[in-house]
Amino acid sequence: MWIKEMGFSKALRTYRPYRPEVDAVVIDKDKIILIEGKILKVMDGISKLPVYRFLVRETPELDIYRTKKIEARLVTPHPPGWCERVAKEFDVTIDLFEPDWIKDYRQKQEKYWTTEERVERHKRRETLKGLGMK
């Protein structure tokens, strides 16, 4: 369908399933804002943003916005200590966002690796094994 509409080479440039994708793009009057959101894997988010900023200039869909300033923003509930220094170095703004549902999720994830939680998981496995389940 796209080949008929825009020709082979433009269709190929437009549809590339392997192409990296930022979580959100906001096109403002004066700038393009690239947004990557991460709850736990902050390193993944902050490391992708400089690459996405670079790729804006090569993205056919954004061709008409090439002259605009490009702003990169990482949205996360709890950045690690190193994150601010790295963000400053790579010109990335950090926006904190932590509604209650993210707080609950983070607490469960952090609790998972505690000694107490590992002991509880082991007890549950032993109980299931005793009942004949794997």
Protein backbone atom coordinates (compact mmCIF):
# COMPACT_ATOMS: atom_id res chain seq x y z
CA MET A 1 0.00 0.00 0.00
CA TRP A 2 2.75 2.47 0.96
CA ILE A 3 4.80 1.63 -2.14
CA LYS A 4 1.83 2.57 -4.34
CA GLU A 5 1.23 5.80 -2.40
CA MET A 6 4.78 7.13 -2.07
CA GLY A 7 7.12 4.99 -4.11
CA PHE A 8 9.49 2.24 -3.04
CA SER A 9 12.36 4.27 -1.57
CA LYS A 10 10.16 6.58 0.54
CA ALA A 11 8.04 3.63 1.74
CA LEU A 12 11.23 1.84 2.76
CA ARG A 13 12.45 4.88 4.72
CA THR A 14 9.05 5.30 6.36
CA TYR A 15 8.48 1.68 7.39
CA ARG A 16 11.45 0.24 9.23
CA PRO A 17 10.34 -2.01 12.11
CA TYR A 18 13.89 -2.11 13.48
CA ARG A 19 14.03 1.67 13.85
CA PRO A 20 14.39 2.91 17.45
CA GLU A 21 11.39 4.76 18.84
CA VAL A 22 11.22 7.30 21.64
CA ASP A 23 8.26 6.99 24.04
CA ALA A 24 6.80 10.37 23.05
CA VAL A 25 7.50 13.34 20.79
CA VAL A 26 5.99 16.75 21.46
CA ILE A 27 6.22 19.30 18.71
CA ASP A 28 6.04 22.77 20.17
CA LYS A 29 6.17 26.15 18.45
CA ASP A 30 9.91 26.51 19.03
CA LYS A 31 11.17 23.02 19.75
CA ILE A 32 10.79 19.26 19.57
CA ILE A 33 10.63 17.51 22.93
CA LEU A 34 11.72 13.87 23.07
CA ILE A 35 10.40 12.02 26.13
CA GLU A 36 11.55 8.68 27.47
CA GLY A 37 9.89 7.25 30.58
CA LYS A 38 11.42 4.67 32.90
CA ILE A 39 10.26 3.43 36.29
CA LEU A 40 13.20 1.19 37.21
CA LYS A 41 15.68 0.97 34.32
CA VAL A 42 16.71 4.63 34.31
CA MET A 43 20.02 3.82 32.59
CA ASP A 44 18.11 2.53 29.55
CA GLY A 45 16.11 5.74 29.28
CA ILE A 46 18.88 8.28 29.76
CA SER A 47 21.27 6.44 27.43
CA LYS A 48 18.73 6.35 24.58
CA LEU A 49 17.89 10.06 24.58
CA PRO A 50 21.15 11.36 23.03
CA VAL A 51 20.77 8.77 20.27
CA TYR A 52 17.16 9.78 19.65
CA ARG A 53 18.21 13.44 19.53
CA PHE A 54 20.78 12.57 16.88
CA LEU A 55 18.28 10.53 14.84
CA VAL A 56 15.71 13.35 14.63
CA ARG A 57 17.78 14.86 11.79
CA GLU A 58 17.53 11.58 9.87
CA THR A 59 13.87 10.76 10.51
CA PRO A 60 11.74 11.40 7.41
CA GLU A 61 8.57 12.03 9.45
CA LEU A 62 10.31 14.86 11.31
CA ASP A 63 11.94 16.41 8.25
CA ILE A 64 9.87 19.61 8.38
CA TYR A 65 10.95 20.22 12.00
CA ARG A 66 14.72 19.87 11.48
CA THR A 67 15.41 23.53 12.25
CA LYS A 68 13.75 23.42 15.67
CA LYS A 69 15.69 23.02 18.92
CA ILE A 70 15.60 19.45 20.24
CA GLU A 71 14.96 18.94 23.94
CA ALA A 72 15.41 15.55 25.66
CA ARG A 73 13.46 14.66 28.82
CA LEU A 74 13.61 11.60 31.04
CA VAL A 75 10.47 10.97 33.12
CA THR A 76 11.12 8.79 36.16
CA PRO A 77 9.92 8.47 39.76
CA HIS A 78 13.25 8.03 41.51
CA PRO A 79 16.50 8.67 39.61
CA PRO A 80 19.66 7.14 41.08
CA GLY A 81 22.34 9.47 42.46
CA TRP A 82 24.51 9.40 39.33
CA CYS A 83 21.63 10.31 37.07
CA GLU A 84 21.67 14.09 37.57
CA ARG A 85 25.36 14.34 36.66
CA VAL A 86 24.88 12.27 33.53
CA ALA A 87 21.74 14.20 32.57
CA LYS A 88 23.61 17.48 32.83
CA GLU A 89 26.50 16.14 30.75
CA PHE A 90 24.14 14.96 27.97
CA ASP A 91 21.75 17.91 28.18
CA VAL A 92 18.80 15.80 29.36
CA THR A 93 16.14 17.20 31.67
CA ILE A 94 14.84 14.89 34.41
CA ASP A 95 11.14 15.16 35.27
CA LEU A 96 10.00 13.41 38.43
CA PHE A 97 6.67 11.60 38.21
CA GLU A 98 5.52 9.26 40.97
CA PRO A 99 1.79 8.72 41.36
CA ASP A 100 0.66 6.26 44.03
CA TRP A 101 0.48 3.29 41.67
CA ILE A 102 4.17 3.75 40.78
CA LYS A 103 5.11 4.04 44.46
CA ASP A 104 3.37 0.70 45.15
CA TYR A 105 5.04 -0.94 42.14
CA ARG A 106 8.51 0.31 43.11
CA GLN A 107 8.08 -0.84 46.72
CA LYS A 108 7.11 -4.34 45.58
CA GLN A 109 10.08 -4.49 43.22
CA GLU A 110 12.51 -3.30 45.89
CA LYS A 111 11.07 -5.71 48.47
CA TYR A 112 11.48 -8.66 46.08
CA TRP A 113 15.26 -8.68 46.57
CA THR A 114 15.32 -8.40 50.38
CA THR A 115 16.46 -11.33 52.54
CA GLU A 116 13.01 -11.59 54.14
CA GLU A 117 11.26 -11.84 50.78
CA ARG A 118 13.73 -14.46 49.50
CA VAL A 119 13.07 -16.54 52.63
CA GLU A 120 9.29 -16.22 52.10
CA ARG A 121 9.62 -17.29 48.45
CA HIS A 122 11.69 -20.30 49.51
CA LYS A 123 9.05 -21.29 52.09
CA ARG A 124 6.29 -21.03 49.48
CA ARG A 125 8.27 -23.20 47.05
CA GLU A 126 8.88 -25.83 49.75
CA THR A 127 5.19 -25.82 50.71
CA LEU A 128 4.15 -26.29 47.07
CA LYS A 129 6.74 -29.02 46.63
CA GLY A 130 5.35 -30.76 49.77
CA LEU A 131 1.89 -30.63 48.19
CA GLY A 132 3.21 -32.37 45.06
CA MET A 133 3.46 -29.28 42.90
CA LYS A 134 6.63 -28.16 41.18
